[in-house]
Amino acid sequence: MEDKNSNKQTRQQTTIADIAKLAGVSVSTVSRVLNNSTEVSKTTKKKILKLIKEYDYTPSELARGLVTKTSKTIGLLIPNLLNPYYVELIESIEKFVSSQGFSLFLCITDAKEEKEKYYINEMLRRRTNGLVMLSTNIKDHDLIKKVKKSMEIVSVEADIEDVDKISVTNEKGTYDVINHLIEYGHKDIAFIGYRFSLSGLQQRFTGYQRAMEEHSIPIRPEYVIEGEGTGNSGYTMTQRLLELPNPPTAIHCMNEHLAVGTYLAINEYGLRIPQDISVTAFDNLASSNILKPRLTTAAMPIREMGEAAADLLIRNILEGSKQVKQEIIFSTKLILRESTRRLDCP
């Protein structure tokens, strides 16, 4: 007697190669049938369709792509999901991508080059149509050249040569925040951040330097901390600052992910924001609304940046990218809230 459950399991595991073998044709021929190609004879097509129905075969997007050279998928290379900035970007990119009939393939790299290479090669294998690269400075130029021959690439705040880019006025945004603190009478201003090797993050530090230099305020080395972008590094970096013999009167955080840890450390030390110390940051995340007092920050249009990246990538996929690569630069805006105060005010 036939075991129905066993038969059902076998059918669920049927592959395109199985169908091709049963029909006595190539995998490409089966794929042509799946894509309604006119290059297959009616007799062969009827035979293949009968086998597909009999074995309850469900074609995968990869199988469809064997002939069309497309998978209707877009890869998204991202360092982590700890930073809410990335989460907001992913949401905006996914929403636009799905509205255009594409799927998003999320690749979390932990900012490690070996994982970046693994995922890139995996997307090449899967015939992914395009790739969005966030906050990376991958140095394997030969690999990038290989990718560009197979798919379109758009970078967001990433150091990838000769691709379309989405960026933001990092230097000016930070400059405006630091200038605000200086106007409030602060001179002992600390800067905490990470991954200064990334040009976008380096630009934020440059904005800090420029504001201090223009006001002839010396930058104290102990006030500049380059830490890790993982865990609660904002907390540990702020601890180091608060334990100095002369702690700063203001701390600027490279992003709001760090600012959460800064708030926690200041509170644990029994200090108040902004009465004892002012805090500023960069991003204007929706999640930062939980911080009390509300955070003064350099706002960037995160969701618009994500939509622009997805739109540009899909247009390049459908129409072909331009020979001259473009960079779309979004402007920042200083948002003044309650986390800073004038030093001459009680």
C-alpha atoms as a PDB file:
ATOM      1  CA  MET A   1       0.000   0.000   0.000  1.00  0.00           C
ATOM      2  CA  GLU A   2       1.311   3.481  -0.940  1.00  0.00           C
ATOM      3  CA  ASP A   3       2.332   5.804   1.909  1.00  0.00           C
ATOM      4  CA  LYS A   4       0.505   9.040   0.999  1.00  0.00           C
ATOM      5  CA  ASN A   5       2.481  11.172   3.456  1.00  0.00           C
ATOM      6  CA  SER A   6       5.773   9.884   2.049  1.00  0.00           C
ATOM      7  CA  ASN A   7       4.617  10.594  -1.525  1.00  0.00           C
ATOM      8  CA  LYS A   8       3.549  14.110  -0.563  1.00  0.00           C
ATOM      9  CA  GLN A   9       6.948  14.838   0.958  1.00  0.00           C
ATOM     10  CA  THR A  10       8.703  13.573  -2.193  1.00  0.00           C
ATOM     11  CA  ARG A  11       6.635  15.844  -4.385  1.00  0.00           C
ATOM     12  CA  GLN A  12       7.331  18.871  -2.246  1.00  0.00           C
ATOM     13  CA  GLN A  13      11.045  18.258  -2.732  1.00  0.00           C
ATOM     14  CA  THR A  14      10.854  17.958  -6.526  1.00  0.00           C
ATOM     15  CA  THR A  15      13.296  20.292  -8.274  1.00  0.00           C
ATOM     16  CA  ILE A  16      13.478  21.730 -11.763  1.00  0.00           C
ATOM     17  CA  ALA A  17      16.307  19.274 -12.464  1.00  0.00           C
ATOM     18  CA  ASP A  18      13.975  16.382 -11.539  1.00  0.00           C
ATOM     19  CA  ILE A  19      11.336  17.604 -13.982  1.00  0.00           C
ATOM     20  CA  ALA A  20      13.953  17.978 -16.704  1.00  0.00           C
ATOM     21  CA  LYS A  21      15.244  14.442 -16.129  1.00  0.00           C
ATOM     22  CA  LEU A  22      11.750  12.925 -16.173  1.00  0.00           C
ATOM     23  CA  ALA A  23      10.929  14.775 -19.389  1.00  0.00           C
ATOM     24  CA  GLY A  24      14.252  13.917 -21.004  1.00  0.00           C
ATOM     25  CA  VAL A  25      15.079  17.567 -21.680  1.00  0.00           C
ATOM     26  CA  SER A  26      17.479  20.176 -20.343  1.00  0.00           C
ATOM     27  CA  VAL A  27      16.826  22.388 -17.320  1.00  0.00           C
ATOM     28  CA  SER A  28      16.815  25.389 -19.668  1.00  0.00           C
ATOM     29  CA  THR A  29      13.958  23.856 -21.651  1.00  0.00           C
ATOM     30  CA  VAL A  30      11.876  23.421 -18.491  1.00  0.00           C
ATOM     31  CA  SER A  31      12.670  26.998 -17.524  1.00  0.00           C
ATOM     32  CA  ARG A  32      11.525  28.209 -20.960  1.00  0.00           C
ATOM     33  CA  VAL A  33       8.212  26.459 -20.457  1.00  0.00           C
ATOM     34  CA  LEU A  34       7.835  28.089 -17.047  1.00  0.00           C
ATOM     35  CA  ASN A  35       8.391  31.475 -18.683  1.00  0.00           C
ATOM     36  CA  ASN A  36       5.950  30.797 -21.563  1.00  0.00           C
ATOM     37  CA  SER A  37       8.678  30.856 -24.198  1.00  0.00           C
ATOM     38  CA  THR A  38       7.628  30.109 -27.801  1.00  0.00           C
ATOM     39  CA  GLU A  39      10.951  28.351 -28.441  1.00  0.00           C
ATOM     40  CA  VAL A  40       9.633  25.007 -27.084  1.00  0.00           C
ATOM     41  CA  SER A  41       7.512  22.692 -29.233  1.00  0.00           C
ATOM     42  CA  LYS A  42       3.886  22.140 -28.251  1.00  0.00           C
ATOM     43  CA  THR A  43       4.486  18.414 -27.649  1.00  0.00           C
ATOM     44  CA  THR A  44       7.441  19.015 -25.313  1.00  0.00           C
ATOM     45  CA  LYS A  45       5.629  21.820 -23.534  1.00  0.00           C
ATOM     46  CA  LYS A  46       2.580  19.627 -22.937  1.00  0.00           C
ATOM     47  CA  LYS A  47       4.769  16.832 -21.574  1.00  0.00           C
ATOM     48  CA  ILE A  48       6.596  19.159 -19.172  1.00  0.00           C
ATOM     49  CA  LEU A  49       3.411  20.812 -17.926  1.00  0.00           C
ATOM     50  CA  LYS A  50       1.894  17.389 -17.258  1.00  0.00           C
ATOM     51  CA  LEU A  51       4.918  16.382 -15.162  1.00  0.00           C
ATOM     52  CA  ILE A  52       4.839  19.710 -13.276  1.00  0.00           C
ATOM     53  CA  LYS A  53       1.207  19.089 -12.370  1.00  0.00           C
ATOM     54  CA  GLU A  54       1.745  15.415 -11.541  1.00  0.00           C
ATOM     55  CA  TYR A  55       4.663  16.113  -9.204  1.00  0.00           C
ATOM     56  CA  ASP A  56       3.140  19.274  -7.757  1.00  0.00           C
ATOM     57  CA  TYR A  57       6.275  21.218  -8.677  1.00  0.00           C
ATOM     58  CA  THR A  58       6.409  24.881  -7.601  1.00  0.00           C
ATOM     59  CA  PRO A  59       9.007  26.826  -9.613  1.00  0.00           C
ATOM     60  CA  SER A  60      11.399  29.007  -7.653  1.00  0.00           C
ATOM     61  CA  GLU A  61      12.464  32.446  -8.731  1.00  0.00           C
ATOM     62  CA  LEU A  62      15.963  31.077  -9.251  1.00  0.00           C
ATOM     63  CA  ALA A  63      14.598  28.476 -11.682  1.00  0.00           C
ATOM     64  CA  ARG A  64      12.679  31.129 -13.590  1.00  0.00           C
ATOM     65  CA  GLY A  65      15.830  33.170 -13.834  1.00  0.00           C
ATOM     66  CA  LEU A  66      17.803  30.508 -15.701  1.00  0.00           C
ATOM     67  CA  VAL A  67      16.453  31.781 -19.012  1.00  0.00           C
ATOM     68  CA  THR A  68      15.340  35.324 -18.240  1.00  0.00           C
ATOM     69  CA  LYS A  69      18.656  36.056 -16.463  1.00  0.00           C
ATOM     70  CA  THR A  70      16.690  37.795 -13.749  1.00  0.00           C
ATOM     71  CA  SER A  71      15.337  36.873 -10.336  1.00  0.00           C
ATOM     72  CA  LYS A  72      13.302  40.006  -9.518  1.00  0.00           C
ATOM     73  CA  THR A  73      15.322  40.288  -6.310  1.00  0.00           C
ATOM     74  CA  ILE A  74      17.466  43.050  -4.876  1.00  0.00           C
ATOM     75  CA  GLY A  75      20.213  42.467  -2.344  1.00  0.00           C
ATOM     76  CA  LEU A  76      20.711  44.799   0.610  1.00  0.00           C
ATOM     77  CA  LEU A  77      24.134  44.702   2.253  1.00  0.00           C
ATOM     78  CA  ILE A  78      23.885  46.109   5.778  1.00  0.00           C
ATOM     79  CA  PRO A  79      26.269  46.074   8.803  1.00  0.00           C
ATOM     80  CA  ASN A  80      23.697  45.254  11.504  1.00  0.00           C
ATOM     81  CA  LEU A  81      20.167  45.740  12.786  1.00  0.00           C
ATOM     82  CA  LEU A  82      21.204  47.254  16.123  1.00  0.00           C
ATOM     83  CA  ASN A  83      21.185  50.795  14.795  1.00  0.00           C
ATOM     84  CA  PRO A  84      17.597  52.042  14.275  1.00  0.00           C
ATOM     85  CA  TYR A  85      18.922  54.161  11.391  1.00  0.00           C
ATOM     86  CA  TYR A  86      19.396  50.990   9.365  1.00  0.00           C
ATOM     87  CA  VAL A  87      15.936  49.741  10.316  1.00  0.00           C
ATOM     88  CA  GLU A  88      14.290  52.920   9.006  1.00  0.00           C
ATOM     89  CA  LEU A  89      16.307  52.670   5.790  1.00  0.00           C
ATOM     90  CA  ILE A  90      15.347  49.019   5.303  1.00  0.00           C
ATOM     91  CA  GLU A  91      11.652  49.793   5.792  1.00  0.00           C
ATOM     92  CA  SER A  92      11.667  52.553   3.182  1.00  0.00           C
ATOM     93  CA  ILE A  93      13.707  50.514   0.688  1.00  0.00           C
ATOM     94  CA  GLU A  94      11.551  47.397   1.108  1.00  0.00           C
ATOM     95  CA  LYS A  95       8.328  49.347   0.714  1.00  0.00           C
ATOM     96  CA  PHE A  96       9.459  50.860  -2.583  1.00  0.00           C
ATOM     97  CA  VAL A  97      11.051  47.652  -3.878  1.00  0.00           C
ATOM     98  CA  SER A  98       7.933  45.544  -3.204  1.00  0.00           C
ATOM     99  CA  SER A  99       5.710  48.170  -4.838  1.00  0.00           C
ATOM    100  CA  GLN A 100       7.692  47.605  -8.034  1.00  0.00           C
ATOM    101  CA  GLY A 101       7.326  43.813  -7.910  1.00  0.00           C
ATOM    102  CA  PHE A 102      10.780  43.030  -6.564  1.00  0.00           C
ATOM    103  CA  SER A 103      11.823  41.127  -3.436  1.00  0.00           C
ATOM    104  CA  LEU A 104      14.477  42.209  -0.961  1.00  0.00           C
ATOM    105  CA  PHE A 105      17.318  39.882   0.056  1.00  0.00           C
ATOM    106  CA  LEU A 106      18.703  41.124   3.396  1.00  0.00           C
ATOM    107  CA  CYS A 107      22.394  40.456   4.122  1.00  0.00           C
ATOM    108  CA  ILE A 108      23.698  41.334   7.611  1.00  0.00           C
ATOM    109  CA  THR A 109      27.501  41.558   7.436  1.00  0.00           C
ATOM    110  CA  ASP A 110      28.511  42.690  10.960  1.00  0.00           C
ATOM    111  CA  ALA A 111      30.823  45.110   9.076  1.00  0.00           C
ATOM    112  CA  LYS A 112      33.138  42.162   8.315  1.00  0.00           C
ATOM    113  CA  GLU A 113      34.668  41.987   4.862  1.00  0.00           C
ATOM    114  CA  GLU A 114      34.578  38.185   4.700  1.00  0.00           C
ATOM    115  CA  LYS A 115      30.810  38.216   5.258  1.00  0.00           C
ATOM    116  CA  GLU A 116      30.400  40.975   2.666  1.00  0.00           C
ATOM    117  CA  LYS A 117      32.241  38.832   0.121  1.00  0.00           C
ATOM    118  CA  TYR A 118      30.192  35.765   1.023  1.00  0.00           C
ATOM    119  CA  TYR A 119      26.878  37.528   0.517  1.00  0.00           C
ATOM    120  CA  ILE A 120      28.003  39.233  -2.686  1.00  0.00           C
ATOM    121  CA  ASN A 121      29.017  35.877  -4.177  1.00  0.00           C
ATOM    122  CA  GLU A 122      25.730  34.386  -2.983  1.00  0.00           C
ATOM    123  CA  MET A 123      23.795  37.134  -4.768  1.00  0.00           C
ATOM    124  CA  LEU A 124      25.797  36.530  -7.937  1.00  0.00           C
ATOM    125  CA  ARG A 125      24.873  32.848  -7.703  1.00  0.00           C
ATOM    126  CA  ARG A 126      21.202  33.724  -7.246  1.00  0.00           C
ATOM    127  CA  ARG A 127      21.253  36.080 -10.251  1.00  0.00           C
ATOM    128  CA  THR A 128      20.154  39.006  -8.117  1.00  0.00           C
ATOM    129  CA  ASN A 129      19.190  42.024 -10.233  1.00  0.00           C
ATOM    130  CA  GLY A 130      20.667  44.767  -8.093  1.00  0.00           C
ATOM    131  CA  LEU A 131      22.501  45.565  -4.917  1.00  0.00           C
ATOM    132  CA  VAL A 132      22.150  48.355  -2.349  1.00  0.00           C
ATOM    133  CA  MET A 133      25.257  48.725  -0.205  1.00  0.00           C
ATOM    134  CA  LEU A 134      24.950  50.548   3.119  1.00  0.00           C
ATOM    135  CA  SER A 135      27.849  51.949   5.167  1.00  0.00           C
ATOM    136  CA  THR A 136      30.606  49.764   3.773  1.00  0.00           C
ATOM    137  CA  ASN A 137      34.100  50.348   2.446  1.00  0.00           C
ATOM    138  CA  ILE A 138      34.779  46.952   0.887  1.00  0.00           C
ATOM    139  CA  LYS A 139      38.290  46.998  -0.568  1.00  0.00           C
ATOM    140  CA  ASP A 140      38.073  44.101  -3.031  1.00  0.00           C
ATOM    141  CA  HIS A 141      37.872  46.159  -6.228  1.00  0.00           C
ATOM    142  CA  ASP A 142      38.060  43.077  -8.473  1.00  0.00           C
ATOM    143  CA  LEU A 143      34.958  41.655  -6.790  1.00  0.00           C
ATOM    144  CA  ILE A 144      33.073  44.937  -7.261  1.00  0.00           C
ATOM    145  CA  LYS A 145      34.025  44.960 -10.955  1.00  0.00           C
ATOM    146  CA  LYS A 146      32.704  41.407 -11.240  1.00  0.00           C
ATOM    147  CA  VAL A 147      29.443  42.396  -9.565  1.00  0.00           C
ATOM    148  CA  LYS A 148      28.978  45.404 -11.856  1.00  0.00           C
ATOM    149  CA  LYS A 149      29.089  43.114 -14.877  1.00  0.00           C
ATOM    150  CA  SER A 150      26.135  41.137 -13.509  1.00  0.00           C
ATOM    151  CA  MET A 151      23.971  43.608 -11.611  1.00  0.00           C
ATOM    152  CA  GLU A 152      23.353  47.265 -10.840  1.00  0.00           C
ATOM    153  CA  ILE A 153      24.734  48.801  -7.639  1.00  0.00           C
ATOM    154  CA  VAL A 154      23.670  51.845  -5.618  1.00  0.00           C
ATOM    155  CA  SER A 155      25.528  52.805  -2.458  1.00  0.00           C
ATOM    156  CA  VAL A 156      24.084  54.630   0.543  1.00  0.00           C
ATOM    157  CA  GLU A 157      26.703  56.375   2.670  1.00  0.00           C
ATOM    158  CA  ALA A 158      29.239  53.823   1.423  1.00  0.00           C
ATOM    159  CA  ASP A 159      32.698  54.068  -0.135  1.00  0.00           C
ATOM    160  CA  ILE A 160      32.242  52.184  -3.410  1.00  0.00           C
ATOM    161  CA  GLU A 161      33.958  53.570  -6.502  1.00  0.00           C
ATOM    162  CA  ASP A 162      32.180  54.247  -9.783  1.00  0.00           C
ATOM    163  CA  VAL A 163      28.606  53.497  -8.692  1.00  0.00           C
ATOM    164  CA  ASP A 164      25.556  55.701  -8.161  1.00  0.00           C
ATOM    165  CA  LYS A 165      25.494  57.099  -4.635  1.00  0.00           C
ATOM    166  CA  ILE A 166      23.041  58.401  -2.080  1.00  0.00           C
ATOM    167  CA  SER A 167      24.658  60.593   0.557  1.00  0.00           C
ATOM    168  CA  VAL A 168      23.955  63.397   3.008  1.00  0.00           C
ATOM    169  CA  THR A 169      25.676  66.608   4.083  1.00  0.00           C
ATOM    170  CA  ASN A 170      27.459  64.938   6.996  1.00  0.00           C
ATOM    171  CA  GLU A 171      30.069  67.635   7.543  1.00  0.00           C
ATOM    172  CA  LYS A 172      27.643  70.555   7.461  1.00  0.00           C
ATOM    173  CA  GLY A 173      25.136  68.752   9.692  1.00  0.00           C
ATOM    174  CA  THR A 174      27.724  68.172  12.402  1.00  0.00           C
ATOM    175  CA  TYR A 175      29.188  71.648  11.947  1.00  0.00           C
ATOM    176  CA  ASP A 176      25.760  73.195  12.566  1.00  0.00           C
ATOM    177  CA  VAL A 177      25.277  71.215  15.783  1.00  0.00           C
ATOM    178  CA  ILE A 178      28.727  72.042  17.176  1.00  0.00           C
ATOM    179  CA  ASN A 179      28.304  75.684  16.190  1.00  0.00           C
ATOM    180  CA  HIS A 180      25.040  75.704  18.157  1.00  0.00           C
ATOM    181  CA  LEU A 181      26.845  74.396  21.253  1.00  0.00           C
ATOM    182  CA  ILE A 182      29.550  77.038  20.878  1.00  0.00           C
ATOM    183  CA  GLU A 183      26.919  79.772  20.580  1.00  0.00           C
ATOM    184  CA  TYR A 184      25.534  78.456  23.872  1.00  0.00           C
ATOM    185  CA  GLY A 185      28.921  79.111  25.476  1.00  0.00           C
ATOM    186  CA  HIS A 186      30.380  75.593  25.350  1.00  0.00           C
ATOM    187  CA  LYS A 187      34.089  75.113  24.697  1.00  0.00           C
ATOM    188  CA  ASP A 188      34.715  71.746  26.360  1.00  0.00           C
ATOM    189  CA  ILE A 189      32.894  69.733  23.702  1.00  0.00           C
ATOM    190  CA  ALA A 190      33.509  66.003  23.294  1.00  0.00           C
ATOM    191  CA  PHE A 191      32.973  63.947  20.143  1.00  0.00           C
ATOM    192  CA  ILE A 192      32.272  60.203  20.292  1.00  0.00           C
ATOM    193  CA  GLY A 193      31.986  57.919  17.265  1.00  0.00           C
ATOM    194  CA  TYR A 194      33.285  54.881  15.419  1.00  0.00           C
ATOM    195  CA  ARG A 195      34.496  53.672  12.016  1.00  0.00           C
ATOM    196  CA  PHE A 196      36.196  56.950  11.117  1.00  0.00           C
ATOM    197  CA  SER A 197      37.572  55.090   8.070  1.00  0.00           C
ATOM    198  CA  LEU A 198      34.168  55.462   6.377  1.00  0.00           C
ATOM    199  CA  SER A 199      34.154  58.758   4.495  1.00  0.00           C
ATOM    200  CA  GLY A 200      30.645  59.735   5.651  1.00  0.00           C
ATOM    201  CA  LEU A 201      31.520  59.242   9.311  1.00  0.00           C
ATOM    202  CA  GLN A 202      34.883  60.916   8.832  1.00  0.00           C
ATOM    203  CA  GLN A 203      33.015  63.910   7.381  1.00  0.00           C
ATOM    204  CA  ARG A 204      31.026  64.184  10.604  1.00  0.00           C
ATOM    205  CA  PHE A 205      34.260  64.375  12.587  1.00  0.00           C
ATOM    206  CA  THR A 206      35.552  66.956  10.106  1.00  0.00           C
ATOM    207  CA  GLY A 207      32.456  69.071  10.782  1.00  0.00           C
ATOM    208  CA  TYR A 208      33.286  68.982  14.491  1.00  0.00           C
ATOM    209  CA  GLN A 209      36.885  69.974  13.804  1.00  0.00           C
ATOM    210  CA  ARG A 210      35.924  72.835  11.489  1.00  0.00           C
ATOM    211  CA  ALA A 211      33.478  74.381  13.942  1.00  0.00           C
ATOM    212  CA  MET A 212      36.009  74.227  16.776  1.00  0.00           C
ATOM    213  CA  GLU A 213      38.836  75.635  14.648  1.00  0.00           C
ATOM    214  CA  GLU A 214      36.741  78.499  13.263  1.00  0.00           C
ATOM    215  CA  HIS A 215      36.090  79.624  16.849  1.00  0.00           C
ATOM    216  CA  SER A 216      39.749  79.113  17.850  1.00  0.00           C
ATOM    217  CA  ILE A 217      38.795  76.442  20.390  1.00  0.00           C
ATOM    218  CA  PRO A 218      41.533  73.822  20.904  1.00  0.00           C
ATOM    219  CA  ILE A 219      40.413  70.208  20.491  1.00  0.00           C
ATOM    220  CA  ARG A 220      41.450  68.214  23.532  1.00  0.00           C
ATOM    221  CA  PRO A 221      42.565  64.692  22.508  1.00  0.00           C
ATOM    222  CA  GLU A 222      40.866  63.080  25.517  1.00  0.00           C
ATOM    223  CA  TYR A 223      37.542  64.540  24.351  1.00  0.00           C
ATOM    224  CA  VAL A 224      37.648  62.629  21.033  1.00  0.00           C
ATOM    225  CA  ILE A 225      36.874  58.919  21.335  1.00  0.00           C
ATOM    226  CA  GLU A 226      36.690  56.462  18.449  1.00  0.00           C
ATOM    227  CA  GLY A 227      35.104  53.330  19.853  1.00  0.00           C
ATOM    228  CA  GLU A 228      33.199  50.356  18.509  1.00  0.00           C
ATOM    229  CA  GLY A 229      29.877  50.541  16.721  1.00  0.00           C
ATOM    230  CA  THR A 230      28.596  47.433  18.460  1.00  0.00           C
ATOM    231  CA  GLY A 231      26.787  46.825  21.725  1.00  0.00           C
ATOM    232  CA  ASN A 232      26.293  49.763  24.050  1.00  0.00           C
ATOM    233  CA  SER A 233      29.467  51.573  23.025  1.00  0.00           C
ATOM    234  CA  GLY A 234      27.879  54.987  23.566  1.00  0.00           C
ATOM    235  CA  TYR A 235      27.581  54.084  27.233  1.00  0.00           C
ATOM    236  CA  THR A 236      31.208  53.008  27.669  1.00  0.00           C
ATOM    237  CA  MET A 237      32.618  55.986  25.745  1.00  0.00           C
ATOM    238  CA  THR A 238      30.556  58.404  27.837  1.00  0.00           C
ATOM    239  CA  GLN A 239      31.787  56.714  31.010  1.00  0.00           C
ATOM    240  CA  ARG A 240      35.352  57.467  29.950  1.00  0.00           C
ATOM    241  CA  LEU A 241      34.485  61.122  29.457  1.00  0.00           C
ATOM    242  CA  LEU A 242      32.673  61.488  32.773  1.00  0.00           C
ATOM    243  CA  GLU A 243      35.606  59.977  34.665  1.00  0.00           C
ATOM    244  CA  LEU A 244      38.077  62.560  33.337  1.00  0.00           C
ATOM    245  CA  PRO A 245      39.453  65.084  35.864  1.00  0.00           C
ATOM    246  CA  ASN A 246      37.774  67.800  33.778  1.00  0.00           C
ATOM    247  CA  PRO A 247      34.733  66.275  32.053  1.00  0.00           C
ATOM    248  CA  PRO A 248      33.255  68.049  29.010  1.00  0.00           C
ATOM    249  CA  THR A 249      30.271  70.352  29.353  1.00  0.00           C
ATOM    250  CA  ALA A 250      28.784  68.923  26.150  1.00  0.00           C
ATOM    251  CA  ILE A 251      28.961  65.599  24.303  1.00  0.00           C
ATOM    252  CA  HIS A 252      28.222  65.265  20.616  1.00  0.00           C
ATOM    253  CA  CYS A 253      27.388  61.713  19.500  1.00  0.00           C
ATOM    254  CA  MET A 254      28.181  60.709  15.929  1.00  0.00           C
ATOM    255  CA  ASN A 255      24.677  59.214  15.719  1.00  0.00           C
ATOM    256  CA  GLU A 256      21.608  58.690  17.878  1.00  0.00           C
ATOM    257  CA  HIS A 257      22.368  55.006  18.388  1.00  0.00           C
ATOM    258  CA  LEU A 258      25.315  56.154  20.523  1.00  0.00           C
ATOM    259  CA  ALA A 259      23.233  58.870  22.188  1.00  0.00           C
ATOM    260  CA  VAL A 260      21.027  56.269  23.887  1.00  0.00           C
ATOM    261  CA  GLY A 261      24.054  54.937  25.740  1.00  0.00           C
ATOM    262  CA  THR A 262      25.211  58.462  26.523  1.00  0.00           C
ATOM    263  CA  TYR A 263      21.893  59.295  28.174  1.00  0.00           C
ATOM    264  CA  LEU A 264      22.068  56.095  30.234  1.00  0.00           C
ATOM    265  CA  ALA A 265      25.617  56.762  31.470  1.00  0.00           C
ATOM    266  CA  ILE A 266      24.859  60.376  32.406  1.00  0.00           C
ATOM    267  CA  ASN A 267      21.784  59.319  34.363  1.00  0.00           C
ATOM    268  CA  GLU A 268      23.684  56.568  36.175  1.00  0.00           C
ATOM    269  CA  TYR A 269      26.328  59.077  37.241  1.00  0.00           C
ATOM    270  CA  GLY A 270      23.604  61.144  38.868  1.00  0.00           C
ATOM    271  CA  LEU A 271      23.923  63.977  36.368  1.00  0.00           C
ATOM    272  CA  ARG A 272      21.142  65.785  34.549  1.00  0.00           C
ATOM    273  CA  ILE A 273      20.671  66.671  30.895  1.00  0.00           C
ATOM    274  CA  PRO A 274      21.044  69.559  30.080  1.00  0.00           C
ATOM    275  CA  GLN A 275      21.546  71.134  33.537  1.00  0.00           C
ATOM    276  CA  ASP A 276      24.875  69.368  34.126  1.00  0.00           C
ATOM    277  CA  ILE A 277      25.847  68.365  30.615  1.00  0.00           C
ATOM    278  CA  SER A 278      24.450  69.008  27.125  1.00  0.00           C
ATOM    279  CA  VAL A 279      24.055  66.232  24.577  1.00  0.00           C
ATOM    280  CA  THR A 280      23.634  66.404  20.800  1.00  0.00           C
ATOM    281  CA  ALA A 281      23.631  63.852  17.983  1.00  0.00           C
ATOM    282  CA  PHE A 282      22.989  63.184  14.276  1.00  0.00           C
ATOM    283  CA  ASP A 283      20.073  61.342  12.580  1.00  0.00           C
ATOM    284  CA  ASN A 284      16.640  62.395  13.918  1.00  0.00           C
ATOM    285  CA  LEU A 285      15.363  58.835  14.253  1.00  0.00           C
ATOM    286  CA  ALA A 286      11.732  58.128  15.060  1.00  0.00           C
ATOM    287  CA  SER A 287      12.902  55.933  17.946  1.00  0.00           C
ATOM    288  CA  SER A 288      14.860  58.809  19.545  1.00  0.00           C
ATOM    289  CA  ASN A 289      11.578  60.336  20.687  1.00  0.00           C
ATOM    290  CA  ILE A 290      11.809  58.073  23.739  1.00  0.00           C
ATOM    291  CA  LEU A 291      14.799  60.078  25.012  1.00  0.00           C
ATOM    292  CA  LYS A 292      13.968  62.634  27.706  1.00  0.00           C
ATOM    293  CA  PRO A 293      14.767  65.468  27.465  1.00  0.00           C
ATOM    294  CA  ARG A 294      14.240  65.464  23.737  1.00  0.00           C
ATOM    295  CA  LEU A 295      17.461  65.383  21.749  1.00  0.00           C
ATOM    296  CA  THR A 296      18.960  68.268  19.764  1.00  0.00           C
ATOM    297  CA  THR A 297      20.192  66.729  16.526  1.00  0.00           C
ATOM    298  CA  ALA A 298      21.172  67.103  12.880  1.00  0.00           C
ATOM    299  CA  ALA A 299      18.213  65.623  11.029  1.00  0.00           C
ATOM    300  CA  MET A 300      18.561  63.788   7.760  1.00  0.00           C
ATOM    301  CA  PRO A 301      15.657  62.509   5.620  1.00  0.00           C
ATOM    302  CA  ILE A 302      16.298  58.798   6.158  1.00  0.00           C
ATOM    303  CA  ARG A 303      13.154  57.444   4.507  1.00  0.00           C
ATOM    304  CA  GLU A 304      13.568  59.718   1.484  1.00  0.00           C
ATOM    305  CA  MET A 305      17.150  58.490   1.140  1.00  0.00           C
ATOM    306  CA  GLY A 306      15.986  54.881   1.157  1.00  0.00           C
ATOM    307  CA  GLU A 307      13.286  55.543  -1.424  1.00  0.00           C
ATOM    308  CA  ALA A 308      15.749  57.417  -3.650  1.00  0.00           C
ATOM    309  CA  ALA A 309      18.217  54.524  -3.483  1.00  0.00           C
ATOM    310  CA  ALA A 310      15.548  51.940  -4.385  1.00  0.00           C
ATOM    311  CA  ASP A 311      14.082  54.107  -7.144  1.00  0.00           C
ATOM    312  CA  LEU A 312      17.484  54.788  -8.714  1.00  0.00           C
ATOM    313  CA  LEU A 313      18.473  51.120  -8.566  1.00  0.00           C
ATOM    314  CA  ILE A 314      15.264  49.829 -10.139  1.00  0.00           C
ATOM    315  CA  ARG A 315      15.389  52.452 -12.890  1.00  0.00           C
ATOM    316  CA  ASN A 316      18.948  51.344 -13.639  1.00  0.00           C
ATOM    317  CA  ILE A 317      17.820  47.697 -13.724  1.00  0.00           C
ATOM    318  CA  LEU A 318      14.930  48.407 -16.104  1.00  0.00           C
ATOM    319  CA  GLU A 319      16.532  51.080 -18.281  1.00  0.00           C
ATOM    320  CA  GLY A 320      20.272  50.586 -17.846  1.00  0.00           C
ATOM    321  CA  SER A 321      22.526  52.811 -15.774  1.00  0.00           C
ATOM    322  CA  LYS A 322      24.145  55.937 -17.149  1.00  0.00           C
ATOM    323  CA  GLN A 323      27.837  55.857 -18.021  1.00  0.00           C
ATOM    324  CA  VAL A 324      28.467  58.889 -15.833  1.00  0.00           C
ATOM    325  CA  LYS A 325      27.553  57.925 -12.274  1.00  0.00           C
ATOM    326  CA  GLN A 326      25.452  60.287 -10.216  1.00  0.00           C
ATOM    327  CA  GLU A 327      25.431  61.232  -6.550  1.00  0.00           C
ATOM    328  CA  ILE A 328      22.227  62.375  -4.895  1.00  0.00           C
ATOM    329  CA  ILE A 329      23.069  64.461  -1.829  1.00  0.00           C
ATOM    330  CA  PHE A 330      20.391  65.137   0.782  1.00  0.00           C
ATOM    331  CA  SER A 331      20.607  68.132   3.115  1.00  0.00           C
ATOM    332  CA  THR A 332      20.578  68.011   6.885  1.00  0.00           C
ATOM    333  CA  LYS A 333      18.636  70.312   9.178  1.00  0.00           C
ATOM    334  CA  LEU A 334      19.456  71.426  12.721  1.00  0.00           C
ATOM    335  CA  ILE A 335      16.642  70.456  15.105  1.00  0.00           C
ATOM    336  CA  LEU A 336      16.826  72.303  18.432  1.00  0.00           C
ATOM    337  CA  ARG A 337      15.238  70.581  21.394  1.00  0.00           C
ATOM    338  CA  GLU A 338      15.738  70.422  25.166  1.00  0.00           C
ATOM    339  CA  SER A 339      19.017  68.483  25.519  1.00  0.00           C
ATOM    340  CA  THR A 340      21.227  71.593  25.365  1.00  0.00           C
ATOM    341  CA  ARG A 341      21.391  74.766  27.451  1.00  0.00           C
ATOM    342  CA  ARG A 342      23.318  78.007  27.603  1.00  0.00           C
ATOM    343  CA  LEU A 343      26.133  77.896  30.129  1.00  0.00           C
ATOM    344  CA  ASP A 344      25.220  81.334  31.420  1.00  0.00           C
ATOM    345  CA  CYS A 345      21.659  80.167  32.232  1.00  0.00           C
ATOM    346  CA  PRO A 346      20.788  78.417  35.521  1.00  0.00           C
END
